[in-house]
Amino acid sequence: MNETKATTNKTQVELATFYVGDALCGMDILKIQEINKLMDMTKVPQAPYYVTGILNLRGQIVTIIDLGKKLGLGATEASATSRNIIVNSPGEHVGLLVTRLSDVISADMEKVERAPANMGGIQGEFFSGVYKTEDKLIGILDVNKVLRLESSRLEEQVH
């Protein structure tokens, strides 16, 4: 009976976790549309420094953001483990390029602590908090803040 109560608890969230460089990050799995391997991307001239390019995903144009650059951790190296996390974003399709995927964990959001202003070199403004597991710290990514990338300016450049 307690298990049912825990899964219906509004503070329990499934976090998809992933690495950006050596930093372990997580986001609510419901914000993710899909995850895929790297694909051929088209560079966008004069795009912000953190935009890797755009790709055509089943007829939808997806803007790919290098999450490492956006968070101030340096460029994400393309490798066999790199992935694009396609997130649900109003009005546009955005992919977050990450170093590698980790686990999906169930997190009690009441136990999330405030994010420090600078989390070990990571720009803390993009995080809503930090979740502690027994052996790891997970930075909870605020996807909405990450996606504020002057959408109108980017759209003008693409079209």
C-alpha atoms as a PDB file:
ATOM      1  CA  MET A   1       0.000   0.000   0.000  1.00  0.00           C
ATOM      2  CA  ASN A   2       2.864   2.375   0.739  1.00  0.00           C
ATOM      3  CA  GLU A   3       4.284   1.751  -2.738  1.00  0.00           C
ATOM      4  CA  THR A   4       1.050   2.913  -4.365  1.00  0.00           C
ATOM      5  CA  LYS A   5       1.063   5.997  -2.182  1.00  0.00           C
ATOM      6  CA  ALA A   6       4.666   6.789  -3.180  1.00  0.00           C
ATOM      7  CA  THR A   7       3.978   6.530  -6.915  1.00  0.00           C
ATOM      8  CA  THR A   8       0.927   8.778  -6.688  1.00  0.00           C
ATOM      9  CA  ASN A   9       2.785  11.279  -4.498  1.00  0.00           C
ATOM     10  CA  LYS A  10       2.961  14.588  -6.386  1.00  0.00           C
ATOM     11  CA  THR A  11       6.521  15.223  -5.234  1.00  0.00           C
ATOM     12  CA  GLN A  12       7.845  11.997  -6.828  1.00  0.00           C
ATOM     13  CA  VAL A  13       9.300  12.649 -10.272  1.00  0.00           C
ATOM     14  CA  GLU A  14      11.052  10.339 -12.706  1.00  0.00           C
ATOM     15  CA  LEU A  15      14.349  11.990 -13.600  1.00  0.00           C
ATOM     16  CA  ALA A  16      16.205  11.118 -16.776  1.00  0.00           C
ATOM     17  CA  THR A  17      19.871  11.579 -15.880  1.00  0.00           C
ATOM     18  CA  PHE A  18      22.751  12.244 -18.249  1.00  0.00           C
ATOM     19  CA  TYR A  19      26.274  13.562 -18.271  1.00  0.00           C
ATOM     20  CA  VAL A  20      27.438  16.860 -19.698  1.00  0.00           C
ATOM     21  CA  GLY A  21      31.196  16.409 -19.547  1.00  0.00           C
ATOM     22  CA  ASP A  22      31.728  15.024 -16.035  1.00  0.00           C
ATOM     23  CA  ALA A  23      28.667  16.778 -14.580  1.00  0.00           C
ATOM     24  CA  LEU A  24      25.651  14.589 -13.792  1.00  0.00           C
ATOM     25  CA  CYS A  25      22.403  16.352 -14.670  1.00  0.00           C
ATOM     26  CA  GLY A  26      18.768  15.345 -14.637  1.00  0.00           C
ATOM     27  CA  MET A  27      15.407  16.510 -15.901  1.00  0.00           C
ATOM     28  CA  ASP A  28      11.792  15.464 -15.538  1.00  0.00           C
ATOM     29  CA  ILE A  29      11.325  12.608 -17.999  1.00  0.00           C
ATOM     30  CA  LEU A  30       7.953  14.070 -19.030  1.00  0.00           C
ATOM     31  CA  LYS A  31       9.776  17.012 -20.635  1.00  0.00           C
ATOM     32  CA  ILE A  32      11.535  14.644 -23.048  1.00  0.00           C
ATOM     33  CA  GLN A  33       9.975  13.856 -26.410  1.00  0.00           C
ATOM     34  CA  GLU A  34      12.649  11.360 -27.473  1.00  0.00           C
ATOM     35  CA  ILE A  35      16.350  10.571 -27.330  1.00  0.00           C
ATOM     36  CA  ASN A  36      18.400   9.743 -30.391  1.00  0.00           C
ATOM     37  CA  LYS A  37      21.957   9.294 -31.609  1.00  0.00           C
ATOM     38  CA  LEU A  38      23.837  12.037 -33.341  1.00  0.00           C
ATOM     39  CA  MET A  39      22.755  12.721 -36.874  1.00  0.00           C
ATOM     40  CA  ASP A  40      24.083  14.872 -39.654  1.00  0.00           C
ATOM     41  CA  MET A  41      23.497  18.458 -38.677  1.00  0.00           C
ATOM     42  CA  THR A  42      23.459  21.566 -40.808  1.00  0.00           C
ATOM     43  CA  LYS A  43      25.416  24.481 -39.393  1.00  0.00           C
ATOM     44  CA  VAL A  44      23.463  27.717 -38.928  1.00  0.00           C
ATOM     45  CA  PRO A  45      25.513  30.801 -39.866  1.00  0.00           C
ATOM     46  CA  GLN A  46      25.641  33.481 -37.156  1.00  0.00           C
ATOM     47  CA  ALA A  47      23.760  31.276 -34.674  1.00  0.00           C
ATOM     48  CA  PRO A  48      24.569  31.670 -30.959  1.00  0.00           C
ATOM     49  CA  TYR A  49      27.827  29.926 -29.974  1.00  0.00           C
ATOM     50  CA  TYR A  50      25.993  27.060 -28.245  1.00  0.00           C
ATOM     51  CA  VAL A  51      23.853  26.090 -31.277  1.00  0.00           C
ATOM     52  CA  THR A  52      25.545  23.125 -32.945  1.00  0.00           C
ATOM     53  CA  GLY A  53      23.168  23.143 -35.908  1.00  0.00           C
ATOM     54  CA  ILE A  54      19.797  21.965 -37.090  1.00  0.00           C
ATOM     55  CA  LEU A  55      18.605  18.582 -38.252  1.00  0.00           C
ATOM     56  CA  ASN A  56      15.576  17.159 -39.980  1.00  0.00           C
ATOM     57  CA  LEU A  57      13.829  14.665 -37.713  1.00  0.00           C
ATOM     58  CA  ARG A  58      10.976  13.008 -39.606  1.00  0.00           C
ATOM     59  CA  GLY A  59      10.063  16.274 -41.308  1.00  0.00           C
ATOM     60  CA  GLN A  60      10.507  18.474 -38.225  1.00  0.00           C
ATOM     61  CA  ILE A  61      13.398  20.939 -38.043  1.00  0.00           C
ATOM     62  CA  VAL A  62      15.169  20.513 -34.693  1.00  0.00           C
ATOM     63  CA  THR A  63      17.650  23.056 -33.318  1.00  0.00           C
ATOM     64  CA  ILE A  64      20.501  21.290 -31.501  1.00  0.00           C
ATOM     65  CA  ILE A  65      22.051  23.038 -28.508  1.00  0.00           C
ATOM     66  CA  ASP A  66      25.429  21.884 -27.213  1.00  0.00           C
ATOM     67  CA  LEU A  67      24.508  21.675 -23.533  1.00  0.00           C
ATOM     68  CA  GLY A  68      28.176  21.699 -22.528  1.00  0.00           C
ATOM     69  CA  LYS A  69      28.701  25.102 -24.171  1.00  0.00           C
ATOM     70  CA  LYS A  70      25.413  26.465 -22.820  1.00  0.00           C
ATOM     71  CA  LEU A  71      26.337  25.449 -19.258  1.00  0.00           C
ATOM     72  CA  GLY A  72      29.870  26.822 -19.525  1.00  0.00           C
ATOM     73  CA  LEU A  73      31.559  23.399 -19.539  1.00  0.00           C
ATOM     74  CA  GLY A  74      33.081  23.529 -23.012  1.00  0.00           C
ATOM     75  CA  ALA A  75      32.103  21.803 -26.228  1.00  0.00           C
ATOM     76  CA  THR A  76      30.567  18.324 -26.148  1.00  0.00           C
ATOM     77  CA  GLU A  77      32.746  15.896 -28.055  1.00  0.00           C
ATOM     78  CA  ALA A  78      30.857  13.835 -30.617  1.00  0.00           C
ATOM     79  CA  SER A  79      31.298  10.165 -29.742  1.00  0.00           C
ATOM     80  CA  ALA A  80      29.517   6.828 -29.838  1.00  0.00           C
ATOM     81  CA  THR A  81      27.856   7.668 -26.504  1.00  0.00           C
ATOM     82  CA  SER A  82      26.711  11.224 -27.360  1.00  0.00           C
ATOM     83  CA  ARG A  83      22.960  11.718 -27.619  1.00  0.00           C
ATOM     84  CA  ASN A  84      20.415  14.364 -28.560  1.00  0.00           C
ATOM     85  CA  ILE A  85      17.677  14.725 -25.982  1.00  0.00           C
ATOM     86  CA  ILE A  86      14.714  16.163 -27.889  1.00  0.00           C
ATOM     87  CA  VAL A  87      12.647  18.184 -25.437  1.00  0.00           C
ATOM     88  CA  ASN A  88       9.067  19.366 -25.552  1.00  0.00           C
ATOM     89  CA  SER A  89       9.256  23.068 -26.240  1.00  0.00           C
ATOM     90  CA  PRO A  90       6.345  25.301 -27.236  1.00  0.00           C
ATOM     91  CA  GLY A  91       6.541  26.449 -30.844  1.00  0.00           C
ATOM     92  CA  GLU A  92       9.827  24.771 -31.758  1.00  0.00           C
ATOM     93  CA  HIS A  93      11.725  21.511 -31.564  1.00  0.00           C
ATOM     94  CA  VAL A  94      14.974  21.622 -29.601  1.00  0.00           C
ATOM     95  CA  GLY A  95      17.570  18.950 -28.972  1.00  0.00           C
ATOM     96  CA  LEU A  96      20.123  19.043 -26.165  1.00  0.00           C
ATOM     97  CA  LEU A  97      23.458  17.459 -27.085  1.00  0.00           C
ATOM     98  CA  VAL A  98      24.839  15.545 -24.082  1.00  0.00           C
ATOM     99  CA  THR A  99      27.989  13.486 -23.510  1.00  0.00           C
ATOM    100  CA  ARG A 100      26.189  10.297 -22.477  1.00  0.00           C
ATOM    101  CA  LEU A 101      23.020   9.011 -20.876  1.00  0.00           C
ATOM    102  CA  SER A 102      22.778   7.639 -17.352  1.00  0.00           C
ATOM    103  CA  ASP A 103      19.834   6.155 -15.428  1.00  0.00           C
ATOM    104  CA  VAL A 104      16.213   7.059 -14.878  1.00  0.00           C
ATOM    105  CA  ILE A 105      15.678   7.541 -11.163  1.00  0.00           C
ATOM    106  CA  SER A 106      12.675   8.273  -9.009  1.00  0.00           C
ATOM    107  CA  ALA A 107      13.295  11.463  -7.039  1.00  0.00           C
ATOM    108  CA  ASP A 108      11.396  13.090  -4.198  1.00  0.00           C
ATOM    109  CA  MET A 109      11.345  16.739  -5.288  1.00  0.00           C
ATOM    110  CA  GLU A 110      10.812  17.860  -1.687  1.00  0.00           C
ATOM    111  CA  LYS A 111      14.390  16.739  -1.043  1.00  0.00           C
ATOM    112  CA  VAL A 112      15.867  18.897  -3.802  1.00  0.00           C
ATOM    113  CA  GLU A 113      18.199  21.523  -2.377  1.00  0.00           C
ATOM    114  CA  ARG A 114      18.747  24.982  -3.777  1.00  0.00           C
ATOM    115  CA  ALA A 115      21.333  25.146  -6.542  1.00  0.00           C
ATOM    116  CA  PRO A 116      24.452  27.071  -5.614  1.00  0.00           C
ATOM    117  CA  ALA A 117      25.176  30.107  -7.820  1.00  0.00           C
ATOM    118  CA  ASN A 118      28.144  28.302  -9.336  1.00  0.00           C
ATOM    119  CA  MET A 119      28.015  24.523  -9.213  1.00  0.00           C
ATOM    120  CA  GLY A 120      31.648  23.526  -9.756  1.00  0.00           C
ATOM    121  CA  GLY A 121      32.059  25.676 -12.855  1.00  0.00           C
ATOM    122  CA  ILE A 122      28.542  25.061 -14.146  1.00  0.00           C
ATOM    123  CA  GLN A 123      26.380  28.114 -14.599  1.00  0.00           C
ATOM    124  CA  GLY A 124      23.922  27.624 -11.721  1.00  0.00           C
ATOM    125  CA  GLU A 125      21.268  29.834 -13.307  1.00  0.00           C
ATOM    126  CA  PHE A 126      20.213  26.887 -15.496  1.00  0.00           C
ATOM    127  CA  PHE A 127      19.462  24.633 -12.516  1.00  0.00           C
ATOM    128  CA  SER A 128      16.451  24.564 -10.236  1.00  0.00           C
ATOM    129  CA  GLY A 129      18.290  22.601  -7.572  1.00  0.00           C
ATOM    130  CA  VAL A 130      20.473  19.673  -6.612  1.00  0.00           C
ATOM    131  CA  TYR A 131      19.228  16.196  -5.744  1.00  0.00           C
ATOM    132  CA  LYS A 132      21.390  13.953  -3.556  1.00  0.00           C
ATOM    133  CA  THR A 133      21.385  10.199  -3.937  1.00  0.00           C
ATOM    134  CA  GLU A 134      23.484   7.926  -1.721  1.00  0.00           C
ATOM    135  CA  ASP A 135      26.562   8.401  -3.878  1.00  0.00           C
ATOM    136  CA  LYS A 136      25.841  11.172  -6.398  1.00  0.00           C
ATOM    137  CA  LEU A 137      24.772  14.777  -6.750  1.00  0.00           C
ATOM    138  CA  ILE A 138      22.415  15.450  -9.659  1.00  0.00           C
ATOM    139  CA  GLY A 139      21.940  18.971 -10.955  1.00  0.00           C
ATOM    140  CA  ILE A 140      18.241  19.401 -11.801  1.00  0.00           C
ATOM    141  CA  LEU A 141      18.202  21.160 -15.152  1.00  0.00           C
ATOM    142  CA  ASP A 142      15.643  23.926 -15.624  1.00  0.00           C
ATOM    143  CA  VAL A 143      14.829  23.189 -19.259  1.00  0.00           C
ATOM    144  CA  ASN A 144      12.803  26.377 -19.674  1.00  0.00           C
ATOM    145  CA  LYS A 145      15.814  28.528 -18.776  1.00  0.00           C
ATOM    146  CA  VAL A 146      18.100  26.556 -21.070  1.00  0.00           C
ATOM    147  CA  LEU A 147      15.672  26.988 -23.966  1.00  0.00           C
ATOM    148  CA  ARG A 148      15.495  30.761 -23.705  1.00  0.00           C
ATOM    149  CA  LEU A 149      17.824  31.241 -26.636  1.00  0.00           C
ATOM    150  CA  GLU A 150      16.463  34.283 -28.367  1.00  0.00           C
ATOM    151  CA  SER A 151      14.131  32.057 -30.399  1.00  0.00           C
ATOM    152  CA  SER A 152      12.949  34.879 -32.592  1.00  0.00           C
ATOM    153  CA  ARG A 153      16.531  35.848 -33.489  1.00  0.00           C
ATOM    154  CA  LEU A 154      17.402  32.246 -34.304  1.00  0.00           C
ATOM    155  CA  GLU A 155      14.266  31.811 -36.406  1.00  0.00           C
ATOM    156  CA  GLU A 156      15.147  34.922 -38.398  1.00  0.00           C
ATOM    157  CA  GLN A 157      18.575  33.479 -39.153  1.00  0.00           C
ATOM    158  CA  VAL A 158      17.222  30.072 -40.198  1.00  0.00           C
ATOM    159  CA  HIS A 159      14.523  31.439 -42.519  1.00  0.00           C
END
